[in-house]
Amino acid sequence: MGDLLLVRHGETEWSVSGQHTSWTDLPLTTHGEEQAKSLAPLLTGRTYALALSSPLGRAIRTAELAGLTGAVPDQDLHEWDYGGYEGVTTVDIHRTRPDWDLWTDGVPPGPEGHPGESPEQIGARADRVLARVEKALATDDGDVILVAHAHFLRVLTARRLGLPPAEGRLFELATGTVSRLSTEHGRPVVAEWNRRA
């Protein structure tokens, strides 16, 4: 059975400032593009049974610059819909809601088409992706690679390890990194985390 590789997209202006970024599709910064290019040596030499990407430009561009060809955009890999907190930092949210926590409180509704999502809703999306991952890994045709976003990949990691979606809070994920989930004695494990070239 292959491994599951998780690639967080390179740096954007809002990942630097700490602003919540879901549907706002900011381009990679110059540094973010360099981060993405630097991932190529970590991804080459592997065979992929399945390669998926978030449909957002920052993830697609990261995949391209990292040399990953043929990654199929998948709507389920979209970042958490932050609703009314899109573009807002945690520091600013804490000014009016000092005890707010994304992992337990979720987000308020945003503009039309962006109602926000709860950890459970993200968990349901992650479970759909993991069902596809399991099928691909069962073929023994190679690894599976997902190029996406921090909070979504953190929830997906929690679900892969059999944890509730909110336990994604345990897995900090830096921009422009590769993480690898593998198996040991038939159980999913974290094999590498936040690896850079």
C-alpha atoms as a PDB file:
ATOM      1  CA  MET A   1       0.000   0.000   0.000  1.00  0.00           C
ATOM      2  CA  GLY A   2       1.262   3.460  -0.915  1.00  0.00           C
ATOM      3  CA  ASP A   3       1.470   6.587   1.178  1.00  0.00           C
ATOM      4  CA  LEU A   4      -0.769   9.648   1.266  1.00  0.00           C
ATOM      5  CA  LEU A   5       1.185  12.843   0.575  1.00  0.00           C
ATOM      6  CA  LEU A   6      -0.292  16.172   1.631  1.00  0.00           C
ATOM      7  CA  VAL A   7       1.028  19.369   0.062  1.00  0.00           C
ATOM      8  CA  ARG A   8       0.043  22.734   1.469  1.00  0.00           C
ATOM      9  CA  HIS A   9       0.184  25.487  -1.133  1.00  0.00           C
ATOM     10  CA  GLY A  10       2.914  28.116  -1.030  1.00  0.00           C
ATOM     11  CA  GLU A  11       2.734  31.413   0.799  1.00  0.00           C
ATOM     12  CA  THR A  12       0.174  34.102  -0.098  1.00  0.00           C
ATOM     13  CA  GLU A  13      -0.159  37.646   1.264  1.00  0.00           C
ATOM     14  CA  TRP A  14      -2.899  36.518   3.622  1.00  0.00           C
ATOM     15  CA  SER A  15      -1.043  33.467   4.903  1.00  0.00           C
ATOM     16  CA  VAL A  16       1.699  35.924   5.955  1.00  0.00           C
ATOM     17  CA  SER A  17      -0.761  38.342   7.614  1.00  0.00           C
ATOM     18  CA  GLY A  18      -2.792  35.547   9.231  1.00  0.00           C
ATOM     19  CA  GLN A  19      -6.052  36.432   7.476  1.00  0.00           C
ATOM     20  CA  HIS A  20      -8.507  33.576   7.013  1.00  0.00           C
ATOM     21  CA  THR A  21      -8.481  32.701   3.301  1.00  0.00           C
ATOM     22  CA  SER A  22     -10.974  30.349   1.742  1.00  0.00           C
ATOM     23  CA  TRP A  23     -12.703  31.512  -1.444  1.00  0.00           C
ATOM     24  CA  THR A  24     -10.562  34.645  -1.910  1.00  0.00           C
ATOM     25  CA  ASP A  25      -8.139  33.237  -4.450  1.00  0.00           C
ATOM     26  CA  LEU A  26      -4.936  35.153  -3.863  1.00  0.00           C
ATOM     27  CA  PRO A  27      -1.874  34.335  -5.958  1.00  0.00           C
ATOM     28  CA  LEU A  28       1.294  32.966  -4.439  1.00  0.00           C
ATOM     29  CA  THR A  29       3.833  35.540  -3.353  1.00  0.00           C
ATOM     30  CA  THR A  30       7.287  35.407  -4.930  1.00  0.00           C
ATOM     31  CA  HIS A  31       8.420  33.514  -1.843  1.00  0.00           C
ATOM     32  CA  GLY A  32       5.402  31.201  -2.189  1.00  0.00           C
ATOM     33  CA  GLU A  33       6.405  30.390  -5.756  1.00  0.00           C
ATOM     34  CA  GLU A  34       9.941  29.579  -4.581  1.00  0.00           C
ATOM     35  CA  GLN A  35       8.499  27.366  -1.842  1.00  0.00           C
ATOM     36  CA  ALA A  36       6.433  25.488  -4.426  1.00  0.00           C
ATOM     37  CA  LYS A  37       9.415  24.995  -6.759  1.00  0.00           C
ATOM     38  CA  SER A  38      11.523  23.711  -3.882  1.00  0.00           C
ATOM     39  CA  LEU A  39       9.056  20.846  -3.301  1.00  0.00           C
ATOM     40  CA  ALA A  40       9.867  19.169  -6.631  1.00  0.00           C
ATOM     41  CA  PRO A  41      12.720  17.004  -5.277  1.00  0.00           C
ATOM     42  CA  LEU A  42      10.400  15.683  -2.551  1.00  0.00           C
ATOM     43  CA  LEU A  43       7.759  14.641  -5.087  1.00  0.00           C
ATOM     44  CA  THR A  44       9.797  13.216  -7.954  1.00  0.00           C
ATOM     45  CA  GLY A  45      10.666   9.552  -8.158  1.00  0.00           C
ATOM     46  CA  ARG A  46       7.276   8.457  -6.893  1.00  0.00           C
ATOM     47  CA  THR A  47       4.438   6.862  -8.801  1.00  0.00           C
ATOM     48  CA  TYR A  48       1.007   8.338  -8.109  1.00  0.00           C
ATOM     49  CA  ALA A  49      -2.139   6.260  -8.293  1.00  0.00           C
ATOM     50  CA  LEU A  50      -4.129   9.477  -7.769  1.00  0.00           C
ATOM     51  CA  ALA A  51      -3.214  13.168  -7.766  1.00  0.00           C
ATOM     52  CA  LEU A  52      -5.847  15.706  -6.702  1.00  0.00           C
ATOM     53  CA  SER A  53      -5.727  19.452  -6.163  1.00  0.00           C
ATOM     54  CA  SER A  54      -7.990  22.077  -4.712  1.00  0.00           C
ATOM     55  CA  PRO A  55      -9.662  24.007  -7.538  1.00  0.00           C
ATOM     56  CA  LEU A  56      -8.218  27.276  -6.218  1.00  0.00           C
ATOM     57  CA  GLY A  57      -5.385  28.889  -8.147  1.00  0.00           C
ATOM     58  CA  ARG A  58      -2.898  28.943  -5.274  1.00  0.00           C
ATOM     59  CA  ALA A  59      -3.066  25.148  -4.988  1.00  0.00           C
ATOM     60  CA  ILE A  60      -3.059  24.521  -8.742  1.00  0.00           C
ATOM     61  CA  ARG A  61      -0.054  26.830  -9.168  1.00  0.00           C
ATOM     62  CA  THR A  62       1.788  25.089  -6.326  1.00  0.00           C
ATOM     63  CA  ALA A  63       1.237  21.719  -8.005  1.00  0.00           C
ATOM     64  CA  GLU A  64       2.513  23.069 -11.334  1.00  0.00           C
ATOM     65  CA  LEU A  65       5.625  24.675  -9.861  1.00  0.00           C
ATOM     66  CA  ALA A  66       6.384  21.527  -7.851  1.00  0.00           C
ATOM     67  CA  GLY A  67       6.384  19.553 -11.101  1.00  0.00           C
ATOM     68  CA  LEU A  68       3.210  17.637 -10.371  1.00  0.00           C
ATOM     69  CA  THR A  69       1.476  17.152 -13.701  1.00  0.00           C
ATOM     70  CA  GLY A  70      -2.007  15.795 -14.117  1.00  0.00           C
ATOM     71  CA  ALA A  71      -3.414  16.734 -10.703  1.00  0.00           C
ATOM     72  CA  VAL A  72      -7.198  16.768 -11.050  1.00  0.00           C
ATOM     73  CA  PRO A  73      -9.042  19.663  -9.362  1.00  0.00           C
ATOM     74  CA  ASP A  74     -11.539  18.391  -6.791  1.00  0.00           C
ATOM     75  CA  GLN A  75     -14.086  20.711  -5.175  1.00  0.00           C
ATOM     76  CA  ASP A  76     -13.949  18.693  -1.954  1.00  0.00           C
ATOM     77  CA  LEU A  77     -10.342  19.870  -1.439  1.00  0.00           C
ATOM     78  CA  HIS A  78     -11.460  23.521  -1.203  1.00  0.00           C
ATOM     79  CA  GLU A  79     -10.406  25.322   1.959  1.00  0.00           C
ATOM     80  CA  TRP A  80     -12.786  25.683   4.916  1.00  0.00           C
ATOM     81  CA  ASP A  81     -15.493  28.266   4.090  1.00  0.00           C
ATOM     82  CA  TYR A  82     -14.785  30.891   6.747  1.00  0.00           C
ATOM     83  CA  GLY A  83     -18.091  32.681   6.129  1.00  0.00           C
ATOM     84  CA  GLY A  84     -18.113  36.082   7.820  1.00  0.00           C
ATOM     85  CA  TYR A  85     -14.509  35.658   8.930  1.00  0.00           C
ATOM     86  CA  GLU A  86     -13.061  35.608   5.404  1.00  0.00           C
ATOM     87  CA  GLY A  87     -10.096  37.989   5.341  1.00  0.00           C
ATOM     88  CA  VAL A  88     -10.205  38.520   9.125  1.00  0.00           C
ATOM     89  CA  THR A  89      -7.369  37.531  11.473  1.00  0.00           C
ATOM     90  CA  THR A  90      -7.848  35.553  14.675  1.00  0.00           C
ATOM     91  CA  VAL A  91      -6.441  38.546  16.601  1.00  0.00           C
ATOM     92  CA  ASP A  92      -9.217  40.770  15.188  1.00  0.00           C
ATOM     93  CA  ILE A  93     -11.909  38.163  15.940  1.00  0.00           C
ATOM     94  CA  HIS A  94     -10.687  37.916  19.544  1.00  0.00           C
ATOM     95  CA  ARG A  95     -11.297  41.640  20.015  1.00  0.00           C
ATOM     96  CA  THR A  96     -15.046  40.963  20.045  1.00  0.00           C
ATOM     97  CA  ARG A  97     -15.053  37.212  20.810  1.00  0.00           C
ATOM     98  CA  PRO A  98     -12.077  36.616  23.122  1.00  0.00           C
ATOM     99  CA  ASP A  99     -12.874  32.926  23.629  1.00  0.00           C
ATOM    100  CA  TRP A 100     -13.568  32.127  19.957  1.00  0.00           C
ATOM    101  CA  ASP A 101     -11.962  28.967  18.563  1.00  0.00           C
ATOM    102  CA  LEU A 102     -12.432  27.899  14.945  1.00  0.00           C
ATOM    103  CA  TRP A 103     -12.248  24.220  15.887  1.00  0.00           C
ATOM    104  CA  THR A 104     -15.118  24.336  18.351  1.00  0.00           C
ATOM    105  CA  ASP A 105     -17.135  27.432  17.438  1.00  0.00           C
ATOM    106  CA  GLY A 106     -17.067  27.434  13.636  1.00  0.00           C
ATOM    107  CA  VAL A 107     -17.784  30.698  11.834  1.00  0.00           C
ATOM    108  CA  PRO A 108     -20.734  33.058  11.290  1.00  0.00           C
ATOM    109  CA  PRO A 109     -22.405  33.197   7.868  1.00  0.00           C
ATOM    110  CA  GLY A 110     -20.734  35.371   5.259  1.00  0.00           C
ATOM    111  CA  PRO A 111     -21.998  36.898   2.013  1.00  0.00           C
ATOM    112  CA  GLU A 112     -24.409  35.007  -0.225  1.00  0.00           C
ATOM    113  CA  GLY A 113     -22.958  31.704  -1.302  1.00  0.00           C
ATOM    114  CA  HIS A 114     -20.601  31.561   1.684  1.00  0.00           C
ATOM    115  CA  PRO A 115     -22.584  30.347   4.701  1.00  0.00           C
ATOM    116  CA  GLY A 116     -19.467  29.180   6.518  1.00  0.00           C
ATOM    117  CA  GLU A 117     -18.707  25.611   7.539  1.00  0.00           C
ATOM    118  CA  SER A 118     -18.483  23.721  10.799  1.00  0.00           C
ATOM    119  CA  PRO A 119     -15.723  21.244  11.619  1.00  0.00           C
ATOM    120  CA  GLU A 120     -18.250  18.450  11.020  1.00  0.00           C
ATOM    121  CA  GLN A 121     -19.010  19.728   7.509  1.00  0.00           C
ATOM    122  CA  ILE A 122     -15.295  19.856   6.703  1.00  0.00           C
ATOM    123  CA  GLY A 123     -14.995  16.369   8.156  1.00  0.00           C
ATOM    124  CA  ALA A 124     -17.702  15.116   5.784  1.00  0.00           C
ATOM    125  CA  ARG A 125     -15.788  16.554   2.803  1.00  0.00           C
ATOM    126  CA  ALA A 126     -12.558  15.030   4.080  1.00  0.00           C
ATOM    127  CA  ASP A 127     -14.268  11.652   4.441  1.00  0.00           C
ATOM    128  CA  ARG A 128     -15.382  11.797   0.794  1.00  0.00           C
ATOM    129  CA  VAL A 129     -11.808  12.517  -0.289  1.00  0.00           C
ATOM    130  CA  LEU A 130     -10.483   9.728   1.922  1.00  0.00           C
ATOM    131  CA  ALA A 131     -12.905   7.264   0.318  1.00  0.00           C
ATOM    132  CA  ARG A 132     -11.299   8.085  -3.058  1.00  0.00           C
ATOM    133  CA  VAL A 133      -7.845   7.863  -1.501  1.00  0.00           C
ATOM    134  CA  GLU A 134      -8.571   4.405  -0.061  1.00  0.00           C
ATOM    135  CA  LYS A 135      -9.721   3.101  -3.456  1.00  0.00           C
ATOM    136  CA  ALA A 136      -6.585   4.416  -5.155  1.00  0.00           C
ATOM    137  CA  LEU A 137      -4.247   3.080  -2.470  1.00  0.00           C
ATOM    138  CA  ALA A 138      -5.918  -0.347  -2.653  1.00  0.00           C
ATOM    139  CA  THR A 139      -4.800  -0.685  -6.279  1.00  0.00           C
ATOM    140  CA  ASP A 140      -1.109  -0.788  -5.266  1.00  0.00           C
ATOM    141  CA  ASP A 141      -0.430   1.544  -8.213  1.00  0.00           C
ATOM    142  CA  GLY A 142       1.512   3.984  -6.064  1.00  0.00           C
ATOM    143  CA  ASP A 143       1.016   6.858  -3.667  1.00  0.00           C
ATOM    144  CA  VAL A 144      -1.770   9.415  -3.530  1.00  0.00           C
ATOM    145  CA  ILE A 145      -1.009  13.133  -3.422  1.00  0.00           C
ATOM    146  CA  LEU A 146      -3.338  15.965  -2.414  1.00  0.00           C
ATOM    147  CA  VAL A 147      -2.455  19.640  -2.947  1.00  0.00           C
ATOM    148  CA  ALA A 148      -4.676  21.865  -0.862  1.00  0.00           C
ATOM    149  CA  HIS A 149      -4.990  24.159   2.157  1.00  0.00           C
ATOM    150  CA  ALA A 150      -3.961  24.141   5.810  1.00  0.00           C
ATOM    151  CA  HIS A 151      -7.218  23.797   7.702  1.00  0.00           C
ATOM    152  CA  PHE A 152      -8.747  21.351   5.260  1.00  0.00           C
ATOM    153  CA  LEU A 153      -5.655  19.121   5.258  1.00  0.00           C
ATOM    154  CA  ARG A 154      -5.496  19.262   9.046  1.00  0.00           C
ATOM    155  CA  VAL A 155      -9.081  17.992   9.286  1.00  0.00           C
ATOM    156  CA  LEU A 156      -8.357  15.344   6.660  1.00  0.00           C
ATOM    157  CA  THR A 157      -5.356  14.184   8.719  1.00  0.00           C
ATOM    158  CA  ALA A 158      -7.495  13.893  11.834  1.00  0.00           C
ATOM    159  CA  ARG A 159     -10.084  11.857   9.952  1.00  0.00           C
ATOM    160  CA  ARG A 160      -7.416   9.595   8.393  1.00  0.00           C
ATOM    161  CA  LEU A 161      -6.138   8.856  11.902  1.00  0.00           C
ATOM    162  CA  GLY A 162      -9.656   8.084  13.153  1.00  0.00           C
ATOM    163  CA  LEU A 163     -10.033  11.318  15.133  1.00  0.00           C
ATOM    164  CA  PRO A 164     -12.975  13.752  15.165  1.00  0.00           C
ATOM    165  CA  PRO A 165     -12.672  16.655  12.666  1.00  0.00           C
ATOM    166  CA  ALA A 166     -11.956  19.224  15.390  1.00  0.00           C
ATOM    167  CA  GLU A 167      -8.788  17.331  16.340  1.00  0.00           C
ATOM    168  CA  GLY A 168      -7.223  18.804  13.202  1.00  0.00           C
ATOM    169  CA  ARG A 169      -6.229  21.550  15.649  1.00  0.00           C
ATOM    170  CA  LEU A 170      -3.373  19.256  16.719  1.00  0.00           C
ATOM    171  CA  PHE A 171      -1.580  19.412  13.358  1.00  0.00           C
ATOM    172  CA  GLU A 172      -0.051  22.788  12.512  1.00  0.00           C
ATOM    173  CA  LEU A 173       0.686  22.920   8.783  1.00  0.00           C
ATOM    174  CA  ALA A 174       3.148  25.408   7.267  1.00  0.00           C
ATOM    175  CA  THR A 175       2.990  26.833   3.745  1.00  0.00           C
ATOM    176  CA  GLY A 176       4.997  25.126   1.022  1.00  0.00           C
ATOM    177  CA  THR A 177       5.427  21.813   2.820  1.00  0.00           C
ATOM    178  CA  VAL A 178       4.908  18.116   2.194  1.00  0.00           C
ATOM    179  CA  SER A 179       3.552  15.798   4.870  1.00  0.00           C
ATOM    180  CA  ARG A 180       3.220  12.037   4.581  1.00  0.00           C
ATOM    181  CA  LEU A 181       0.663   9.733   6.125  1.00  0.00           C
ATOM    182  CA  SER A 182       1.576   6.071   5.976  1.00  0.00           C
ATOM    183  CA  THR A 183       0.607   2.865   7.774  1.00  0.00           C
ATOM    184  CA  GLU A 184       2.223   0.831  10.509  1.00  0.00           C
ATOM    185  CA  HIS A 185       0.851  -2.587  11.384  1.00  0.00           C
ATOM    186  CA  GLY A 186      -2.178  -1.818   9.241  1.00  0.00           C
ATOM    187  CA  ARG A 187      -3.022   1.449  10.996  1.00  0.00           C
ATOM    188  CA  PRO A 188      -2.653   5.010   9.624  1.00  0.00           C
ATOM    189  CA  VAL A 189       0.238   6.991  11.110  1.00  0.00           C
ATOM    190  CA  VAL A 190       1.980  10.327  10.585  1.00  0.00           C
ATOM    191  CA  ALA A 191       5.288   9.422   8.906  1.00  0.00           C
ATOM    192  CA  GLU A 192       6.551  12.960   8.122  1.00  0.00           C
ATOM    193  CA  TRP A 193       5.156  16.396   8.826  1.00  0.00           C
ATOM    194  CA  ASN A 194       5.893  19.899   7.475  1.00  0.00           C
ATOM    195  CA  ARG A 195       8.842  18.719   5.383  1.00  0.00           C
ATOM    196  CA  ARG A 196      10.687  21.235   3.230  1.00  0.00           C
ATOM    197  CA  ALA A 197      13.387  20.560   0.686  1.00  0.00           C
END
